[in-house]
Amino acid sequence: MDTVGTPHGFITCAGLVLLSATIAACSSSKPAPTPAQTTNTPPTAVLWGDLKPVVSVKELMKYMIDPVADNIFNAVGITVTKRGTVDVQPKTEEDWDKVRTGAVSLAEAADLLKIRRPFTPPGDENNSTGPDAVELSPAQITAKVERDPVEWNARIEALRNVALEALDVVKRKDVNELWDVGENLDRACEACHRSYWYPGEGAEFYRKLQLRLDEFREQSTRGNTSAKPQKR
């Protein structure tokens, strides 16, 4: 039986021969190095770049964390006016969005505290000098964090967890739980501050402060009494 070769058949055969030669050439050559094997590529590629802090912890708290936390603190409350008491609580979508802004910002900002940075601006030593100093100096705070970084990270996570709790409450628009969130946020903040910033503000500190206030009131009372006009 005779076969007739068509131009299409010849092209197909030629293609098969070329493909076979290519496979043979590839199988005999060495595999191309992967990106990890190249000498010019670093072991860990930097995607976003190194994070470089702009301000100290004290400034980060004052200008970023504290203001956004107020969106949560001030969301609920009771205001006393001449006409009586007024319950403050989120009622509109705009009100809830403000709380959401605070929760999201606080959750993200908390992790910025994990970036190593100075605790105060240059020249600011906190209220750390004198016999009645209640605040730690920046050097003392740094030393404490370096001795126990686990506690530092735990304090940060506690703050972040409250922010996530607030975000969940906003999604459900639960006003009652928003009160609890405010209390939890206050506890998380104060626990960190008392541990790292002003550990001297304990019971003894407030006892001395009360004594000073009492003495000041007595002196003021005596001054007012002697200043009264005498009857003639």
Protein backbone atom coordinates (compact mmCIF):
# COMPACT_ATOMS: atom_id res chain seq x y z
CA MET A 1 0.00 0.00 0.00
CA ASP A 2 1.50 3.30 -1.11
CA THR A 3 1.42 6.36 1.13
CA VAL A 4 1.46 9.87 -0.13
CA GLY A 5 3.27 12.44 1.93
CA THR A 6 1.54 15.75 2.20
CA PRO A 7 3.26 19.02 3.10
CA HIS A 8 1.46 18.85 6.47
CA GLY A 9 2.88 15.38 7.07
CA PHE A 10 6.42 16.47 6.32
CA ILE A 11 6.11 19.42 8.66
CA THR A 12 4.84 17.16 11.44
CA CYS A 13 7.72 14.75 11.00
CA ALA A 14 10.24 17.57 11.00
CA GLY A 15 8.69 18.92 14.18
CA LEU A 16 8.98 15.54 15.91
CA VAL A 17 12.65 15.26 14.95
CA LEU A 18 13.36 18.77 16.27
CA LEU A 19 11.49 18.05 19.52
CA SER A 20 13.48 14.87 20.08
CA ALA A 21 16.75 16.71 19.58
CA THR A 22 15.69 19.40 21.99
CA ILE A 23 14.76 16.88 24.70
CA ALA A 24 18.09 15.13 24.30
CA ALA A 25 19.99 18.39 24.59
CA CYS A 26 18.07 19.40 27.72
CA SER A 27 18.57 16.03 29.41
CA SER A 28 22.33 16.21 28.93
CA SER A 29 22.72 19.76 30.24
CA LYS A 30 22.87 20.81 33.93
CA PRO A 31 19.66 22.15 35.53
CA ALA A 32 19.42 25.93 35.85
CA PRO A 33 20.13 27.18 39.37
CA THR A 34 17.15 28.25 41.43
CA PRO A 35 17.01 31.81 42.79
CA ALA A 36 18.06 30.51 46.20
CA GLN A 37 21.25 29.04 44.69
CA THR A 38 22.44 32.26 43.07
CA THR A 39 25.19 34.11 44.89
CA ASN A 40 23.77 37.55 44.20
CA THR A 41 20.43 36.94 45.96
CA PRO A 42 20.42 37.46 49.76
CA PRO A 43 19.11 34.57 51.91
CA THR A 44 16.09 36.62 53.00
CA ALA A 45 14.74 39.11 50.51
CA VAL A 46 13.46 42.32 52.05
CA LEU A 47 9.94 42.97 50.81
CA TRP A 48 8.81 46.15 52.54
CA GLY A 49 12.12 47.46 53.76
CA ASP A 50 13.46 48.04 57.25
CA LEU A 51 11.17 49.82 59.69
CA LYS A 52 12.84 52.92 61.10
CA PRO A 53 11.13 54.68 64.04
CA VAL A 54 10.52 58.39 63.74
CA VAL A 55 9.65 59.25 67.35
CA SER A 56 10.24 57.93 70.86
CA VAL A 57 7.82 55.76 72.83
CA LYS A 58 6.69 58.80 74.81
CA GLU A 59 5.89 60.72 71.63
CA LEU A 60 4.24 57.71 70.02
CA MET A 61 1.95 57.44 73.02
CA LYS A 62 1.16 61.16 73.15
CA TYR A 63 0.56 61.83 69.47
CA MET A 64 -0.81 58.52 68.21
CA ILE A 65 -1.84 55.84 70.71
CA ASP A 66 -3.50 58.09 73.31
CA PRO A 67 -5.60 60.06 70.78
CA VAL A 68 -6.97 56.96 69.05
CA ALA A 69 -7.61 55.29 72.40
CA ASP A 70 -9.83 58.27 73.30
CA ASN A 71 -12.18 57.18 70.49
CA ILE A 72 -12.91 54.15 72.66
CA PHE A 73 -12.70 55.78 76.09
CA ASN A 74 -15.08 58.60 75.14
CA ALA A 75 -17.56 56.43 73.25
CA VAL A 76 -19.69 55.79 76.33
CA GLY A 77 -20.18 57.73 79.53
CA ILE A 78 -22.48 59.83 81.66
CA THR A 79 -22.36 63.61 81.47
CA VAL A 80 -23.84 65.68 84.27
CA THR A 81 -25.42 68.96 83.16
CA LYS A 82 -27.66 71.57 84.77
CA ARG A 83 -30.64 69.80 83.29
CA GLY A 84 -29.62 66.40 84.62
CA THR A 85 -27.54 63.47 83.40
CA VAL A 86 -27.00 62.60 79.77
CA ASP A 87 -25.97 59.13 78.61
CA VAL A 88 -23.20 59.26 76.03
CA GLN A 89 -23.16 56.33 73.63
CA PRO A 90 -22.76 55.68 69.91
CA LYS A 91 -26.09 55.99 68.14
CA THR A 92 -25.35 56.65 64.48
CA GLU A 93 -23.15 54.90 61.93
CA GLU A 94 -20.79 57.85 62.17
CA ASP A 95 -20.52 57.32 65.93
CA TRP A 96 -19.71 53.64 65.50
CA ASP A 97 -17.22 54.42 62.72
CA LYS A 98 -15.35 56.68 65.12
CA VAL A 99 -15.04 53.81 67.60
CA ARG A 100 -14.00 51.50 64.77
CA THR A 101 -11.31 53.98 63.74
CA GLY A 102 -9.98 53.96 67.28
CA ALA A 103 -10.02 50.16 67.51
CA VAL A 104 -8.28 49.56 64.18
CA SER A 105 -5.71 52.29 64.76
CA LEU A 106 -4.96 51.07 68.27
CA ALA A 107 -4.59 47.45 67.15
CA GLU A 108 -2.07 48.43 64.48
CA ALA A 109 -0.28 51.07 66.55
CA ALA A 110 0.32 48.66 69.43
CA ASP A 111 2.72 46.62 67.32
CA LEU A 112 4.78 49.76 66.66
CA LEU A 113 5.86 49.50 70.30
CA LYS A 114 7.75 46.34 69.35
CA ILE A 115 10.08 48.33 67.11
CA ARG A 116 13.16 49.29 69.11
CA ARG A 117 13.19 53.04 69.67
CA PRO A 118 14.22 55.48 72.44
CA PHE A 119 11.70 55.78 75.24
CA THR A 120 11.87 59.57 75.45
CA PRO A 121 13.05 62.42 73.22
CA PRO A 122 16.68 63.53 73.63
CA GLY A 123 17.19 65.33 76.93
CA ASP A 124 13.92 64.13 78.48
CA GLU A 125 14.70 62.09 81.60
CA ASN A 126 11.12 61.84 82.87
CA ASN A 127 10.36 62.69 86.49
CA SER A 128 13.20 60.44 87.59
CA THR A 129 15.32 62.71 89.79
CA GLY A 130 14.98 63.78 93.39
CA PRO A 131 13.94 61.93 96.56
CA ASP A 132 10.27 61.72 95.56
CA ALA A 133 10.81 60.67 91.94
CA VAL A 134 8.07 58.28 90.81
CA GLU A 135 9.04 57.75 87.17
CA LEU A 136 11.87 55.66 85.78
CA SER A 137 14.52 57.23 83.62
CA PRO A 138 14.75 56.18 79.95
CA ALA A 139 17.88 54.16 80.76
CA GLN A 140 16.08 52.32 83.57
CA ILE A 141 13.11 51.53 81.34
CA THR A 142 15.40 50.24 78.60
CA ALA A 143 17.30 48.04 81.06
CA LYS A 144 14.05 46.60 82.41
CA VAL A 145 12.77 45.75 78.93
CA GLU A 146 16.06 44.14 77.97
CA ARG A 147 16.06 42.04 81.15
CA ASP A 148 12.57 40.70 80.44
CA PRO A 149 11.40 41.26 76.84
CA VAL A 150 8.67 38.67 77.36
CA GLU A 151 6.82 40.95 79.76
CA TRP A 152 7.16 43.92 77.40
CA ASN A 153 5.67 41.93 74.52
CA ALA A 154 2.94 40.57 76.78
CA ARG A 155 1.91 44.10 77.80
CA ILE A 156 1.74 45.08 74.13
CA GLU A 157 -0.35 42.03 73.24
CA ALA A 158 -2.73 42.82 76.11
CA LEU A 159 -3.27 46.29 74.66
CA ARG A 160 -3.75 44.91 71.17
CA ASN A 161 -6.23 42.28 72.38
CA VAL A 162 -8.42 44.99 73.91
CA ALA A 163 -8.38 46.83 70.58
CA LEU A 164 -9.49 43.64 68.83
CA GLU A 165 -12.19 43.22 71.46
CA ALA A 166 -13.40 46.74 70.73
CA LEU A 167 -13.47 45.97 67.01
CA ASP A 168 -15.65 42.93 67.65
CA VAL A 169 -18.02 44.98 69.82
CA VAL A 170 -18.32 47.58 67.06
CA LYS A 171 -19.30 44.88 64.57
CA ARG A 172 -22.12 43.81 66.89
CA LYS A 173 -22.92 47.37 68.02
CA ASP A 174 -23.14 46.23 71.63
CA VAL A 175 -23.24 49.35 73.82
CA ASN A 176 -23.22 47.41 77.09
CA GLU A 177 -20.01 45.59 76.22
CA LEU A 178 -18.44 48.85 75.12
CA TRP A 179 -18.42 49.86 78.80
CA ASP A 180 -16.41 46.71 79.59
CA VAL A 181 -14.01 47.44 76.74
CA GLY A 182 -13.29 50.88 78.20
CA GLU A 183 -12.51 49.35 81.59
CA ASN A 184 -10.31 46.66 80.04
CA LEU A 185 -8.44 49.28 78.05
CA ASP A 186 -7.84 51.36 81.17
CA ARG A 187 -6.48 48.30 83.01
CA ALA A 188 -4.15 47.38 80.13
CA CYS A 189 -2.77 50.91 79.92
CA GLU A 190 -2.31 51.37 83.65
CA ALA A 191 -0.69 47.95 84.11
CA CYS A 192 1.95 48.83 81.54
CA HIS A 193 2.49 52.34 82.86
CA ARG A 194 2.88 51.17 86.44
CA SER A 195 5.38 48.53 85.39
CA TYR A 196 7.56 50.65 83.14
CA TRP A 197 6.82 54.33 83.54
CA TYR A 198 5.84 55.25 87.10
CA PRO A 199 6.24 52.19 89.36
CA GLY A 200 6.80 54.60 92.25
CA GLU A 201 3.14 55.61 92.26
CA GLY A 202 2.14 52.97 94.76
CA ALA A 203 0.16 53.11 97.99
CA GLU A 204 2.95 54.97 99.81
CA PHE A 205 3.11 57.61 97.09
CA TYR A 206 -0.61 58.34 97.34
CA ARG A 207 -0.45 58.35 101.15
CA LYS A 208 2.22 61.07 101.05
CA LEU A 209 0.26 62.93 98.38
CA GLN A 210 -2.83 62.91 100.58
CA LEU A 211 -0.83 64.24 103.52
CA ARG A 212 0.47 67.09 101.37
CA LEU A 213 -3.05 67.93 100.19
CA ASP A 214 -4.31 67.96 103.79
CA GLU A 215 -1.47 70.26 104.84
CA PHE A 216 -2.20 72.56 101.91
CA ARG A 217 -5.90 72.76 102.87
CA GLU A 218 -5.00 73.57 106.50
CA GLN A 219 -2.64 76.32 105.44
CA SER A 220 -5.26 77.73 103.08
CA THR A 221 -7.89 77.70 105.83
CA ARG A 222 -5.59 79.49 108.27
CA GLY A 223 -4.73 82.08 105.67
CA ASN A 224 -8.39 82.77 104.93
CA THR A 225 -9.21 83.07 108.62
CA SER A 226 -6.48 85.63 109.30
CA ALA A 227 -7.47 87.59 106.24
CA LYS A 228 -11.04 88.16 107.46
CA PRO A 229 -11.78 91.79 108.35
CA GLN A 230 -12.06 92.47 112.08
CA LYS A 231 -15.17 94.03 113.55
CA ARG A 232 -14.70 97.51 114.96
